[in-house]
Amino acid sequence: VFDFIFITKGSSVRSKGLDNYDFLQNTFFFLPACQISTHDFMSPDAEGFYCHFDMEIFNRKFIRPDIFTDFSFLSFTGNPLVTINDAARTHILNILNRLEFEYTNTVKVDLDIISVNMLALFLEVRQFAKQEKITENAAFRIAQQYKSKLTRYIYDKHSVAEYAGMLAVSPNHLNKCVKAATGKSAQELLSEMVLLEAKVLLKQSTLSVNEIAGKIGKEDPSDFIRFFKSKTGFTPTEYRKMD
């Protein structure tokens, strides 16, 4: 499912893939489906809205099917943060409150009303979404493509060479581009993504440690345990038991 957070008070820190984002009040954070994410911080005074949804609710005759290509913040590679101004806040809060009311309606949940209000919300937000400038730096483009591939294929591809092949470059060239754009090696980014996914599976699934090891490409569970402890200071079992 897709999801978003809208902070009306306080602050938060959340990741989209390997990128971390700090955001304050009057700001949305959008996360597309099938994207790895961690929520690192929410201030004690934070208030706002959280919503997750399936795009299937927009499968209505009165909604143009391709309209969602206009919403960059919902795309896999788009900027997830959108900050609105005070003038728009009232309109957006009205829509969010209506969505909450419809969702908690004990008589009947009307998906037509929900889908129309969600669409209205995205149209309001769209005018504040930043259109990011496309960089002409080749190293940056390849590094971004690599990060995107990591998120999509972390279960299927387990070496830098495999990703280099997908991007039609040599492993050495991929590493140079990633290093120039991020300051980290291609292997470091791959390890970070593996670790992030392992944490998600440990906390949000009932898979055994051995099953998780196999899922992320560590055929020997002992290798996975050593890898995880070297990165976090905890064994996978210890991490799973932590609050």
C-alpha atoms as a PDB file:
ATOM      1  CA  VAL A   1       0.000   0.000   0.000  1.00  0.00           C
ATOM      2  CA  PHE A   2       0.881   3.685  -0.293  1.00  0.00           C
ATOM      3  CA  ASP A   3       0.947   5.856   2.789  1.00  0.00           C
ATOM      4  CA  PHE A   4       1.434   9.419   3.938  1.00  0.00           C
ATOM      5  CA  ILE A   5       1.952  11.360   7.138  1.00  0.00           C
ATOM      6  CA  PHE A   6       0.874  14.971   7.584  1.00  0.00           C
ATOM      7  CA  ILE A   7       2.411  16.741  10.559  1.00  0.00           C
ATOM      8  CA  THR A   8       0.345  19.585  12.010  1.00  0.00           C
ATOM      9  CA  LYS A   9       2.614  20.038  15.032  1.00  0.00           C
ATOM     10  CA  GLY A  10       6.064  18.837  16.065  1.00  0.00           C
ATOM     11  CA  SER A  11       8.684  17.112  13.928  1.00  0.00           C
ATOM     12  CA  SER A  12       9.666  13.731  12.554  1.00  0.00           C
ATOM     13  CA  VAL A  13      12.456  11.867  10.778  1.00  0.00           C
ATOM     14  CA  ARG A  14      11.643   9.130   8.266  1.00  0.00           C
ATOM     15  CA  SER A  15      13.516   7.375   5.492  1.00  0.00           C
ATOM     16  CA  LYS A  16      12.560   6.511   1.936  1.00  0.00           C
ATOM     17  CA  GLY A  17      14.924   3.824   0.777  1.00  0.00           C
ATOM     18  CA  LEU A  18      18.403   4.920   1.830  1.00  0.00           C
ATOM     19  CA  ASP A  19      17.573   8.638   2.102  1.00  0.00           C
ATOM     20  CA  ASN A  20      16.578  10.260   5.409  1.00  0.00           C
ATOM     21  CA  TYR A  21      14.199  13.214   5.642  1.00  0.00           C
ATOM     22  CA  ASP A  22      13.565  15.630   8.534  1.00  0.00           C
ATOM     23  CA  PHE A  23      10.241  17.412   8.415  1.00  0.00           C
ATOM     24  CA  LEU A  24       8.199  19.801  10.515  1.00  0.00           C
ATOM     25  CA  GLN A  25       4.602  21.011  10.773  1.00  0.00           C
ATOM     26  CA  ASN A  26       2.516  21.660   7.660  1.00  0.00           C
ATOM     27  CA  THR A  27       4.507  18.987   5.833  1.00  0.00           C
ATOM     28  CA  PHE A  28       3.475  15.752   4.134  1.00  0.00           C
ATOM     29  CA  PHE A  29       5.711  12.718   3.822  1.00  0.00           C
ATOM     30  CA  PHE A  30       4.538  10.361   1.047  1.00  0.00           C
ATOM     31  CA  LEU A  31       5.712   6.779   0.640  1.00  0.00           C
ATOM     32  CA  PRO A  32       4.859   4.716  -2.461  1.00  0.00           C
ATOM     33  CA  ALA A  33       4.069   1.014  -2.313  1.00  0.00           C
ATOM     34  CA  CYS A  34       6.930  -1.511  -2.136  1.00  0.00           C
ATOM     35  CA  GLN A  35       9.380   1.056  -0.769  1.00  0.00           C
ATOM     36  CA  ILE A  36      11.537   0.248   2.249  1.00  0.00           C
ATOM     37  CA  SER A  37      11.230   2.783   5.061  1.00  0.00           C
ATOM     38  CA  THR A  38      12.150   3.348   8.693  1.00  0.00           C
ATOM     39  CA  HIS A  39      10.621   5.859  11.061  1.00  0.00           C
ATOM     40  CA  ASP A  40      13.535   7.080  13.142  1.00  0.00           C
ATOM     41  CA  PHE A  41      11.976   9.840  15.225  1.00  0.00           C
ATOM     42  CA  MET A  42       8.684  11.467  16.189  1.00  0.00           C
ATOM     43  CA  SER A  43       8.775  14.373  18.628  1.00  0.00           C
ATOM     44  CA  PRO A  44       6.719  13.929  21.828  1.00  0.00           C
ATOM     45  CA  ASP A  45       4.488  16.887  20.883  1.00  0.00           C
ATOM     46  CA  ALA A  46       3.795  15.608  17.353  1.00  0.00           C
ATOM     47  CA  GLU A  47       0.231  15.754  16.060  1.00  0.00           C
ATOM     48  CA  GLY A  48      -1.243  15.081  12.661  1.00  0.00           C
ATOM     49  CA  PHE A  49      -2.635  12.417  10.354  1.00  0.00           C
ATOM     50  CA  TYR A  50      -1.496   9.043   9.056  1.00  0.00           C
ATOM     51  CA  CYS A  51      -3.144   7.313   6.101  1.00  0.00           C
ATOM     52  CA  HIS A  52      -2.373   4.188   4.107  1.00  0.00           C
ATOM     53  CA  PHE A  53      -4.285   3.244   0.995  1.00  0.00           C
ATOM     54  CA  ASP A  54      -4.396   0.956  -2.009  1.00  0.00           C
ATOM     55  CA  MET A  55      -4.489   2.604  -5.435  1.00  0.00           C
ATOM     56  CA  GLU A  56      -7.401   0.299  -6.227  1.00  0.00           C
ATOM     57  CA  ILE A  57      -9.756   2.760  -4.469  1.00  0.00           C
ATOM     58  CA  PHE A  58      -9.221   5.133  -7.404  1.00  0.00           C
ATOM     59  CA  ASN A  59     -10.500   2.596  -9.903  1.00  0.00           C
ATOM     60  CA  ARG A  60     -13.615   4.661 -10.573  1.00  0.00           C
ATOM     61  CA  LYS A  61     -15.208   5.616 -13.896  1.00  0.00           C
ATOM     62  CA  PHE A  62     -15.195   9.299 -12.984  1.00  0.00           C
ATOM     63  CA  ILE A  63     -11.417   9.421 -12.289  1.00  0.00           C
ATOM     64  CA  ARG A  64      -9.014   9.739 -15.205  1.00  0.00           C
ATOM     65  CA  PRO A  65      -6.688   6.694 -14.984  1.00  0.00           C
ATOM     66  CA  ASP A  66      -3.484   8.558 -15.859  1.00  0.00           C
ATOM     67  CA  ILE A  67      -4.034  11.479 -13.476  1.00  0.00           C
ATOM     68  CA  PHE A  68      -1.615  10.051 -10.920  1.00  0.00           C
ATOM     69  CA  THR A  69       1.307  10.667 -13.245  1.00  0.00           C
ATOM     70  CA  ASP A  70       0.798  14.326 -12.273  1.00  0.00           C
ATOM     71  CA  PHE A  71       1.628  13.607  -8.632  1.00  0.00           C
ATOM     72  CA  SER A  72       5.417  13.341  -8.441  1.00  0.00           C
ATOM     73  CA  PHE A  73       5.311  12.878  -4.666  1.00  0.00           C
ATOM     74  CA  LEU A  74       3.614   9.475  -5.158  1.00  0.00           C
ATOM     75  CA  SER A  75       6.272   8.184  -7.546  1.00  0.00           C
ATOM     76  CA  PHE A  76       9.027   5.757  -6.648  1.00  0.00           C
ATOM     77  CA  THR A  77      11.800   8.284  -7.259  1.00  0.00           C
ATOM     78  CA  GLY A  78       9.958  11.504  -6.406  1.00  0.00           C
ATOM     79  CA  ASN A  79      10.631  13.853  -3.501  1.00  0.00           C
ATOM     80  CA  PRO A  80       8.431  12.519  -0.649  1.00  0.00           C
ATOM     81  CA  LEU A  81       8.198  15.846   1.190  1.00  0.00           C
ATOM     82  CA  VAL A  82       5.609  18.512   0.396  1.00  0.00           C
ATOM     83  CA  THR A  83       5.222  21.561   2.637  1.00  0.00           C
ATOM     84  CA  ILE A  84       2.049  23.622   2.352  1.00  0.00           C
ATOM     85  CA  ASN A  85       1.431  27.223   3.374  1.00  0.00           C
ATOM     86  CA  ASP A  86      -0.918  28.479   6.084  1.00  0.00           C
ATOM     87  CA  ALA A  87      -3.539  29.563   3.541  1.00  0.00           C
ATOM     88  CA  ALA A  88      -3.916  26.006   2.217  1.00  0.00           C
ATOM     89  CA  ARG A  89      -3.786  24.410   5.661  1.00  0.00           C
ATOM     90  CA  THR A  90      -7.482  25.022   6.359  1.00  0.00           C
ATOM     91  CA  HIS A  91      -8.600  23.415   3.080  1.00  0.00           C
ATOM     92  CA  ILE A  92      -6.332  20.419   3.579  1.00  0.00           C
ATOM     93  CA  LEU A  93      -7.406  19.891   7.192  1.00  0.00           C
ATOM     94  CA  ASN A  94     -11.035  19.989   6.079  1.00  0.00           C
ATOM     95  CA  ILE A  95     -10.354  17.205   3.578  1.00  0.00           C
ATOM     96  CA  LEU A  96      -8.409  15.109   6.071  1.00  0.00           C
ATOM     97  CA  ASN A  97     -11.112  15.482   8.709  1.00  0.00           C
ATOM     98  CA  ARG A  98     -13.740  14.464   6.149  1.00  0.00           C
ATOM     99  CA  LEU A  99     -11.695  11.399   5.209  1.00  0.00           C
ATOM    100  CA  GLU A 100     -11.409  10.430   8.868  1.00  0.00           C
ATOM    101  CA  PHE A 101     -15.148  10.891   9.320  1.00  0.00           C
ATOM    102  CA  GLU A 102     -15.964   8.730   6.290  1.00  0.00           C
ATOM    103  CA  TYR A 103     -13.517   6.016   7.288  1.00  0.00           C
ATOM    104  CA  THR A 104     -14.961   5.755  10.792  1.00  0.00           C
ATOM    105  CA  ASN A 105     -18.576   5.850   9.565  1.00  0.00           C
ATOM    106  CA  THR A 106     -20.264   2.976  11.389  1.00  0.00           C
ATOM    107  CA  VAL A 107     -23.210   2.857   8.974  1.00  0.00           C
ATOM    108  CA  LYS A 108     -21.429   2.516   5.630  1.00  0.00           C
ATOM    109  CA  VAL A 109     -17.992   3.385   4.294  1.00  0.00           C
ATOM    110  CA  ASP A 110     -18.513   5.078   0.932  1.00  0.00           C
ATOM    111  CA  LEU A 111     -15.413   4.472  -1.200  1.00  0.00           C
ATOM    112  CA  ASP A 112     -16.639   6.898  -3.861  1.00  0.00           C
ATOM    113  CA  ILE A 113     -16.618   9.741  -1.339  1.00  0.00           C
ATOM    114  CA  ILE A 114     -13.248   8.642   0.008  1.00  0.00           C
ATOM    115  CA  SER A 115     -11.667   8.390  -3.449  1.00  0.00           C
ATOM    116  CA  VAL A 116     -12.976  11.838  -4.483  1.00  0.00           C
ATOM    117  CA  ASN A 117     -11.676  13.440  -1.299  1.00  0.00           C
ATOM    118  CA  MET A 118      -8.303  11.719  -1.640  1.00  0.00           C
ATOM    119  CA  LEU A 119      -8.047  12.994  -5.194  1.00  0.00           C
ATOM    120  CA  ALA A 120      -8.978  16.500  -4.020  1.00  0.00           C
ATOM    121  CA  LEU A 121      -6.260  16.247  -1.380  1.00  0.00           C
ATOM    122  CA  PHE A 122      -3.613  15.286  -3.926  1.00  0.00           C
ATOM    123  CA  LEU A 123      -4.676  18.112  -6.233  1.00  0.00           C
ATOM    124  CA  GLU A 124      -4.323  20.593  -3.360  1.00  0.00           C
ATOM    125  CA  VAL A 125      -0.899  19.171  -2.483  1.00  0.00           C
ATOM    126  CA  ARG A 126       0.315  19.125  -6.084  1.00  0.00           C
ATOM    127  CA  GLN A 127       0.565  22.910  -6.293  1.00  0.00           C
ATOM    128  CA  PHE A 128       3.167  22.856  -3.500  1.00  0.00           C
ATOM    129  CA  ALA A 129       5.209  19.899  -4.769  1.00  0.00           C
ATOM    130  CA  LYS A 130       8.666  20.930  -5.872  1.00  0.00           C
ATOM    131  CA  GLN A 131       9.611  20.020  -9.399  1.00  0.00           C
ATOM    132  CA  GLU A 132      13.153  18.836  -8.888  1.00  0.00           C
ATOM    133  CA  LYS A 133      15.700  19.876 -11.468  1.00  0.00           C
ATOM    134  CA  ILE A 134      17.215  16.984 -13.342  1.00  0.00           C
ATOM    135  CA  THR A 135      20.961  17.040 -12.875  1.00  0.00           C
ATOM    136  CA  GLU A 136      23.226  16.633 -15.877  1.00  0.00           C
ATOM    137  CA  ASN A 137      25.842  14.915 -13.772  1.00  0.00           C
ATOM    138  CA  ALA A 138      26.169  11.350 -15.110  1.00  0.00           C
ATOM    139  CA  ALA A 139      27.613  10.009 -11.857  1.00  0.00           C
ATOM    140  CA  PHE A 140      24.632  11.352  -9.907  1.00  0.00           C
ATOM    141  CA  ARG A 141      22.154   9.808 -12.351  1.00  0.00           C
ATOM    142  CA  ILE A 142      23.798   6.393 -12.191  1.00  0.00           C
ATOM    143  CA  ALA A 143      23.966   6.549  -8.391  1.00  0.00           C
ATOM    144  CA  GLN A 144      20.254   7.382  -8.205  1.00  0.00           C
ATOM    145  CA  GLN A 145      19.426   4.559 -10.597  1.00  0.00           C
ATOM    146  CA  TYR A 146      21.531   2.202  -8.462  1.00  0.00           C
ATOM    147  CA  LYS A 147      19.700   3.207  -5.268  1.00  0.00           C
ATOM    148  CA  SER A 148      16.371   2.705  -6.990  1.00  0.00           C
ATOM    149  CA  LYS A 149      17.413  -0.759  -8.213  1.00  0.00           C
ATOM    150  CA  LEU A 150      18.587  -1.677  -4.714  1.00  0.00           C
ATOM    151  CA  THR A 151      15.154  -0.925  -3.317  1.00  0.00           C
ATOM    152  CA  ARG A 152      13.340  -2.874  -6.020  1.00  0.00           C
ATOM    153  CA  TYR A 153      15.584  -5.946  -6.302  1.00  0.00           C
ATOM    154  CA  ILE A 154      17.212  -6.403  -2.901  1.00  0.00           C
ATOM    155  CA  TYR A 155      15.707  -9.918  -2.608  1.00  0.00           C
ATOM    156  CA  ASP A 156      16.829 -11.003  -6.064  1.00  0.00           C
ATOM    157  CA  LYS A 157      20.222  -9.374  -6.627  1.00  0.00           C
ATOM    158  CA  HIS A 158      22.931  -9.733  -4.002  1.00  0.00           C
ATOM    159  CA  SER A 159      26.124  -8.387  -5.567  1.00  0.00           C
ATOM    160  CA  VAL A 160      27.342  -5.082  -6.961  1.00  0.00           C
ATOM    161  CA  ALA A 161      28.217  -6.860 -10.213  1.00  0.00           C
ATOM    162  CA  GLU A 162      24.587  -7.908 -10.725  1.00  0.00           C
ATOM    163  CA  TYR A 163      23.369  -4.336 -10.321  1.00  0.00           C
ATOM    164  CA  ALA A 164      26.124  -3.043 -12.588  1.00  0.00           C
ATOM    165  CA  GLY A 165      24.889  -5.460 -15.235  1.00  0.00           C
ATOM    166  CA  MET A 166      21.344  -4.156 -14.868  1.00  0.00           C
ATOM    167  CA  LEU A 167      22.639  -0.619 -15.400  1.00  0.00           C
ATOM    168  CA  ALA A 168      24.871  -1.644 -18.332  1.00  0.00           C
ATOM    169  CA  VAL A 169      28.070  -0.394 -16.689  1.00  0.00           C
ATOM    170  CA  SER A 170      31.101  -2.144 -15.228  1.00  0.00           C
ATOM    171  CA  PRO A 171      31.242  -2.733 -11.451  1.00  0.00           C
ATOM    172  CA  ASN A 172      34.274  -0.449 -11.257  1.00  0.00           C
ATOM    173  CA  HIS A 173      32.486   2.367 -13.089  1.00  0.00           C
ATOM    174  CA  LEU A 174      29.388   1.933 -10.911  1.00  0.00           C
ATOM    175  CA  ASN A 175      31.518   2.135  -7.795  1.00  0.00           C
ATOM    176  CA  LYS A 176      33.245   5.326  -9.015  1.00  0.00           C
ATOM    177  CA  CYS A 177      29.890   6.971  -9.789  1.00  0.00           C
ATOM    178  CA  VAL A 178      28.359   6.003  -6.451  1.00  0.00           C
ATOM    179  CA  LYS A 179      31.460   7.147  -4.569  1.00  0.00           C
ATOM    180  CA  ALA A 180      31.477  10.500  -6.368  1.00  0.00           C
ATOM    181  CA  ALA A 181      27.764  11.111  -5.751  1.00  0.00           C
ATOM    182  CA  THR A 182      27.357   9.787  -2.203  1.00  0.00           C
ATOM    183  CA  GLY A 183      30.803   9.495  -0.659  1.00  0.00           C
ATOM    184  CA  LYS A 184      30.154   5.775  -0.102  1.00  0.00           C
ATOM    185  CA  SER A 185      31.074   2.727  -2.124  1.00  0.00           C
ATOM    186  CA  ALA A 186      28.518   0.713  -4.066  1.00  0.00           C
ATOM    187  CA  GLN A 187      29.098  -2.183  -1.657  1.00  0.00           C
ATOM    188  CA  GLU A 188      28.442   0.074   1.350  1.00  0.00           C
ATOM    189  CA  LEU A 189      25.080   1.137  -0.081  1.00  0.00           C
ATOM    190  CA  LEU A 190      24.213  -2.489  -0.848  1.00  0.00           C
ATOM    191  CA  SER A 191      25.085  -3.479   2.732  1.00  0.00           C
ATOM    192  CA  GLU A 192      22.986  -0.607   4.104  1.00  0.00           C
ATOM    193  CA  MET A 193      19.975  -1.733   2.096  1.00  0.00           C
ATOM    194  CA  VAL A 194      20.414  -5.362   3.155  1.00  0.00           C
ATOM    195  CA  LEU A 195      20.639  -4.258   6.785  1.00  0.00           C
ATOM    196  CA  LEU A 196      17.568  -2.040   6.469  1.00  0.00           C
ATOM    197  CA  GLU A 197      15.509  -4.847   4.962  1.00  0.00           C
ATOM    198  CA  ALA A 198      16.748  -7.315   7.579  1.00  0.00           C
ATOM    199  CA  LYS A 199      15.591  -4.956  10.331  1.00  0.00           C
ATOM    200  CA  VAL A 200      12.174  -4.649   8.716  1.00  0.00           C
ATOM    201  CA  LEU A 201      11.796  -8.433   8.424  1.00  0.00           C
ATOM    202  CA  LEU A 202      12.935  -9.004  12.004  1.00  0.00           C
ATOM    203  CA  LYS A 203      10.423  -6.508  13.389  1.00  0.00           C
ATOM    204  CA  GLN A 204       7.500  -6.945  11.005  1.00  0.00           C
ATOM    205  CA  SER A 205       7.494 -10.619  10.054  1.00  0.00           C
ATOM    206  CA  THR A 206       7.452 -13.992  11.780  1.00  0.00           C
ATOM    207  CA  LEU A 207      10.201 -15.407   9.546  1.00  0.00           C
ATOM    208  CA  SER A 208      12.977 -17.190  11.393  1.00  0.00           C
ATOM    209  CA  VAL A 209      16.502 -15.773  11.427  1.00  0.00           C
ATOM    210  CA  ASN A 210      17.562 -18.544   9.027  1.00  0.00           C
ATOM    211  CA  GLU A 211      14.695 -17.705   6.646  1.00  0.00           C
ATOM    212  CA  ILE A 212      15.568 -14.000   6.728  1.00  0.00           C
ATOM    213  CA  ALA A 213      19.218 -14.816   6.044  1.00  0.00           C
ATOM    214  CA  GLY A 214      18.234 -16.747   2.935  1.00  0.00           C
ATOM    215  CA  LYS A 215      15.828 -14.059   1.792  1.00  0.00           C
ATOM    216  CA  ILE A 216      18.496 -11.351   1.761  1.00  0.00           C
ATOM    217  CA  GLY A 217      21.163 -13.495   0.132  1.00  0.00           C
ATOM    218  CA  LYS A 218      23.101 -14.756   3.148  1.00  0.00           C
ATOM    219  CA  GLU A 219      23.071 -18.509   2.482  1.00  0.00           C
ATOM    220  CA  ASP A 220      24.962 -19.285   5.692  1.00  0.00           C
ATOM    221  CA  PRO A 221      22.911 -17.999   8.695  1.00  0.00           C
ATOM    222  CA  SER A 222      26.112 -17.581  10.707  1.00  0.00           C
ATOM    223  CA  ASP A 223      27.360 -15.111   8.068  1.00  0.00           C
ATOM    224  CA  PHE A 224      24.132 -13.148   8.464  1.00  0.00           C
ATOM    225  CA  ILE A 225      24.443 -13.100  12.252  1.00  0.00           C
ATOM    226  CA  ARG A 226      28.052 -11.850  12.055  1.00  0.00           C
ATOM    227  CA  PHE A 227      27.102  -9.244   9.437  1.00  0.00           C
ATOM    228  CA  PHE A 228      24.131  -7.984  11.465  1.00  0.00           C
ATOM    229  CA  LYS A 229      26.069  -7.784  14.739  1.00  0.00           C
ATOM    230  CA  SER A 230      28.990  -5.974  13.104  1.00  0.00           C
ATOM    231  CA  LYS A 231      26.584  -3.290  11.856  1.00  0.00           C
ATOM    232  CA  THR A 232      24.296  -2.935  14.888  1.00  0.00           C
ATOM    233  CA  GLY A 233      26.102  -4.372  17.910  1.00  0.00           C
ATOM    234  CA  PHE A 234      23.256  -6.866  18.397  1.00  0.00           C
ATOM    235  CA  THR A 235      22.483 -10.316  17.108  1.00  0.00           C
ATOM    236  CA  PRO A 236      19.311 -10.598  14.993  1.00  0.00           C
ATOM    237  CA  THR A 237      17.534 -12.376  17.856  1.00  0.00           C
ATOM    238  CA  GLU A 238      18.525  -9.645  20.338  1.00  0.00           C
ATOM    239  CA  TYR A 239      17.355  -6.952  17.930  1.00  0.00           C
ATOM    240  CA  ARG A 240      14.009  -8.682  17.389  1.00  0.00           C
ATOM    241  CA  LYS A 241      13.342  -8.696  21.154  1.00  0.00           C
ATOM    242  CA  MET A 242      14.101  -4.985  21.541  1.00  0.00           C
ATOM    243  CA  ASP A 243      11.192  -2.531  21.954  1.00  0.00           C
END
